[in-house]
N, C-alpha and C. Protein backbone atom coordinates (compact mmCIF):
# COMPACT_ATOMS: atom_id res chain seq x y z
N MET A 1 -12.13 11.59 6.32
CA MET A 1 -10.98 10.81 5.91
C MET A 1 -10.37 10.14 7.13
N ASN A 2 -10.05 8.87 7.01
CA ASN A 2 -9.44 8.12 8.11
C ASN A 2 -7.96 8.47 8.24
N VAL A 3 -7.51 8.54 9.47
CA VAL A 3 -6.10 8.76 9.75
C VAL A 3 -5.57 7.49 10.41
N TYR A 4 -4.60 6.86 9.78
CA TYR A 4 -4.03 5.62 10.29
C TYR A 4 -2.74 5.90 11.03
N GLY A 5 -2.45 5.07 12.00
CA GLY A 5 -1.21 5.16 12.75
C GLY A 5 -0.88 3.81 13.34
N MET A 6 0.19 3.76 14.10
CA MET A 6 0.61 2.51 14.71
C MET A 6 0.73 2.71 16.22
N ARG A 7 0.40 1.66 16.96
CA ARG A 7 0.49 1.68 18.42
C ARG A 7 1.19 0.40 18.85
N ALA A 8 2.07 0.53 19.84
CA ALA A 8 2.88 -0.60 20.29
C ALA A 8 2.10 -1.56 21.20
N GLU A 9 2.46 -2.84 21.07
CA GLU A 9 2.05 -3.88 22.02
C GLU A 9 3.32 -4.24 22.78
N TYR A 10 3.20 -4.39 24.09
CA TYR A 10 4.38 -4.63 24.92
C TYR A 10 4.47 -6.08 25.39
N ALA A 11 5.71 -6.56 25.50
CA ALA A 11 5.99 -7.87 26.09
C ALA A 11 5.97 -7.72 27.61
N GLY A 12 6.00 -8.83 28.32
CA GLY A 12 5.99 -8.80 29.78
C GLY A 12 7.16 -8.03 30.37
N SER A 13 8.26 -7.97 29.63
CA SER A 13 9.46 -7.25 30.11
C SER A 13 9.35 -5.74 29.94
N GLY A 14 8.29 -5.29 29.27
CA GLY A 14 8.11 -3.86 29.04
C GLY A 14 8.69 -3.35 27.73
N THR A 15 9.32 -4.25 26.97
CA THR A 15 9.84 -3.85 25.65
C THR A 15 8.74 -4.00 24.61
N ILE A 16 8.89 -3.30 23.50
CA ILE A 16 7.89 -3.40 22.44
C ILE A 16 7.97 -4.79 21.80
N LYS A 17 6.85 -5.47 21.79
CA LYS A 17 6.75 -6.82 21.22
C LYS A 17 6.39 -6.74 19.74
N ALA A 18 5.45 -5.86 19.40
CA ALA A 18 4.97 -5.73 18.02
C ALA A 18 4.25 -4.40 17.87
N TRP A 19 4.07 -4.01 16.62
CA TRP A 19 3.31 -2.81 16.29
C TRP A 19 2.00 -3.22 15.65
N HIS A 20 0.95 -2.48 15.99
CA HIS A 20 -0.38 -2.71 15.43
C HIS A 20 -0.85 -1.44 14.72
N MET A 21 -1.66 -1.61 13.70
CA MET A 21 -2.24 -0.47 12.99
C MET A 21 -3.54 -0.07 13.69
N MET A 22 -3.76 1.22 13.79
CA MET A 22 -4.99 1.74 14.36
C MET A 22 -5.55 2.81 13.43
N LYS A 23 -6.81 3.09 13.61
CA LYS A 23 -7.47 4.10 12.79
C LYS A 23 -8.02 5.18 13.71
N ASP A 24 -7.76 6.42 13.36
CA ASP A 24 -8.30 7.58 14.07
C ASP A 24 -7.96 7.57 15.57
N GLY A 25 -6.76 7.10 15.92
CA GLY A 25 -6.30 7.13 17.30
C GLY A 25 -6.95 6.13 18.23
N ALA A 26 -7.67 5.17 17.68
CA ALA A 26 -8.38 4.18 18.51
C ALA A 26 -7.41 3.35 19.34
N LEU A 27 -7.89 2.85 20.47
CA LEU A 27 -7.10 1.94 21.30
C LEU A 27 -7.27 0.50 20.84
N THR A 28 -8.24 0.25 19.97
CA THR A 28 -8.43 -1.08 19.41
C THR A 28 -7.77 -1.11 18.04
N ALA A 29 -6.82 -2.04 17.88
CA ALA A 29 -6.11 -2.17 16.60
C ALA A 29 -7.04 -2.72 15.53
N LEU A 30 -6.61 -2.62 14.28
CA LEU A 30 -7.41 -3.15 13.18
C LEU A 30 -7.69 -4.64 13.35
N CYS A 31 -6.76 -5.36 14.00
CA CYS A 31 -6.92 -6.81 14.23
C CYS A 31 -7.88 -7.11 15.38
N GLY A 32 -8.27 -6.10 16.14
CA GLY A 32 -9.18 -6.28 17.27
C GLY A 32 -8.51 -6.28 18.63
N ARG A 33 -7.19 -6.28 18.67
CA ARG A 33 -6.47 -6.28 19.95
C ARG A 33 -6.61 -4.92 20.63
N GLU A 34 -6.91 -4.95 21.94
CA GLU A 34 -6.98 -3.73 22.74
C GLU A 34 -5.56 -3.37 23.18
N LEU A 35 -5.18 -2.13 22.97
CA LEU A 35 -3.83 -1.67 23.29
C LEU A 35 -3.86 -0.60 24.37
N ARG A 36 -2.75 -0.45 25.06
CA ARG A 36 -2.64 0.51 26.15
C ARG A 36 -2.72 1.95 25.64
N GLU A 37 -3.39 2.79 26.41
CA GLU A 37 -3.50 4.20 26.05
C GLU A 37 -2.15 4.90 26.08
N ASP A 38 -1.27 4.45 26.98
CA ASP A 38 0.05 5.08 27.10
C ASP A 38 1.11 4.42 26.22
N ALA A 39 0.69 3.55 25.31
CA ALA A 39 1.64 2.87 24.42
C ALA A 39 2.27 3.85 23.44
N ALA A 40 3.48 3.52 23.03
CA ALA A 40 4.16 4.34 22.01
C ALA A 40 3.34 4.33 20.73
N ILE A 41 3.35 5.46 20.03
CA ILE A 41 2.64 5.56 18.76
C ILE A 41 3.57 6.13 17.70
N MET A 42 3.23 5.90 16.46
CA MET A 42 3.91 6.54 15.33
C MET A 42 2.93 6.58 14.16
N THR A 43 3.24 7.39 13.18
CA THR A 43 2.37 7.50 12.01
C THR A 43 2.50 6.24 11.16
N ASP A 44 1.59 6.07 10.24
CA ASP A 44 1.65 4.90 9.36
C ASP A 44 2.83 4.97 8.40
N ALA A 45 3.50 6.11 8.32
CA ALA A 45 4.71 6.21 7.49
C ALA A 45 5.82 5.32 8.04
N GLY A 46 5.72 4.94 9.31
CA GLY A 46 6.71 4.06 9.92
C GLY A 46 6.53 2.60 9.57
N TRP A 47 5.40 2.29 8.92
CA TRP A 47 5.13 0.90 8.54
C TRP A 47 6.27 0.38 7.68
N ALA A 48 6.75 -0.80 7.99
CA ALA A 48 7.87 -1.46 7.28
C ALA A 48 9.22 -0.84 7.62
N HIS A 49 9.27 0.06 8.60
CA HIS A 49 10.54 0.68 8.99
C HIS A 49 10.79 0.53 10.49
N THR A 50 10.24 -0.50 11.10
CA THR A 50 10.44 -0.74 12.53
C THR A 50 11.34 -1.95 12.72
N LYS A 51 12.06 -1.98 13.84
CA LYS A 51 12.87 -3.17 14.11
C LYS A 51 12.01 -4.28 14.70
N GLU A 52 10.90 -3.92 15.33
CA GLU A 52 9.96 -4.91 15.84
C GLU A 52 8.98 -5.29 14.73
N PRO A 53 8.40 -6.48 14.82
CA PRO A 53 7.45 -6.90 13.78
C PRO A 53 6.15 -6.09 13.81
N ILE A 54 5.49 -6.08 12.68
CA ILE A 54 4.15 -5.49 12.55
C ILE A 54 3.15 -6.65 12.58
N CYS A 55 2.06 -6.48 13.27
CA CYS A 55 1.01 -7.51 13.31
C CYS A 55 0.59 -7.83 11.87
N HIS A 56 0.65 -9.11 11.51
CA HIS A 56 0.33 -9.54 10.15
C HIS A 56 -1.11 -9.18 9.78
N THR A 57 -2.03 -9.42 10.69
CA THR A 57 -3.44 -9.14 10.41
C THR A 57 -3.67 -7.64 10.22
N CYS A 58 -3.08 -6.83 11.09
CA CYS A 58 -3.20 -5.38 10.95
C CYS A 58 -2.64 -4.91 9.62
N GLY A 59 -1.48 -5.45 9.25
CA GLY A 59 -0.85 -5.07 7.98
C GLY A 59 -1.73 -5.39 6.79
N ALA A 60 -2.32 -6.59 6.81
CA ALA A 60 -3.19 -6.99 5.70
C ALA A 60 -4.42 -6.10 5.61
N LEU A 61 -5.04 -5.83 6.75
CA LEU A 61 -6.23 -4.97 6.76
C LEU A 61 -5.88 -3.54 6.35
N TYR A 62 -4.75 -3.05 6.81
CA TYR A 62 -4.30 -1.71 6.44
C TYR A 62 -4.13 -1.60 4.92
N LEU A 63 -3.46 -2.56 4.33
CA LEU A 63 -3.23 -2.52 2.88
C LEU A 63 -4.54 -2.59 2.09
N ARG A 64 -5.54 -3.25 2.65
CA ARG A 64 -6.84 -3.33 1.96
C ARG A 64 -7.65 -2.04 2.13
N GLN A 65 -7.47 -1.35 3.24
CA GLN A 65 -8.28 -0.16 3.51
C GLN A 65 -7.70 1.12 2.93
N VAL A 66 -6.40 1.28 2.97
CA VAL A 66 -5.79 2.55 2.56
C VAL A 66 -6.04 2.88 1.09
N PRO A 67 -5.82 1.96 0.15
CA PRO A 67 -6.09 2.33 -1.25
C PRO A 67 -7.56 2.69 -1.47
N TYR A 68 -8.48 1.99 -0.82
CA TYR A 68 -9.90 2.28 -0.98
C TYR A 68 -10.21 3.68 -0.45
N ASP A 69 -9.72 3.99 0.74
CA ASP A 69 -9.96 5.32 1.31
C ASP A 69 -9.38 6.41 0.41
N SER A 70 -8.20 6.16 -0.15
CA SER A 70 -7.56 7.14 -1.04
C SER A 70 -8.39 7.36 -2.30
N MET A 71 -8.94 6.28 -2.84
CA MET A 71 -9.76 6.40 -4.05
C MET A 71 -11.02 7.20 -3.75
N MET A 72 -11.63 6.95 -2.59
CA MET A 72 -12.88 7.62 -2.25
C MET A 72 -12.67 9.10 -1.96
N SER A 73 -11.50 9.44 -1.38
CA SER A 73 -11.26 10.84 -1.03
C SER A 73 -10.69 11.65 -2.19
N GLY A 74 -10.27 10.93 -3.26
CA GLY A 74 -9.74 11.62 -4.42
C GLY A 74 -8.29 12.03 -4.29
N THR A 75 -7.58 11.49 -3.27
CA THR A 75 -6.17 11.84 -3.11
C THR A 75 -5.27 10.80 -3.73
């Protein structure tokens, strides 16, 4: 079963610019962007509850993958 989470992308000033979705703790987001290993992380339960934006592409891919994975795992 895949475990999804979110990892931060940082602006040049060091503040969080956006959140990306990742699968199984990967450093590569669903959109393909490579993210820092020391970046802030949170569970996918935080999706839609951040003050910073969520990557549109990651969000779309996440929504397409999660229901399918849930159907296959029977949860």
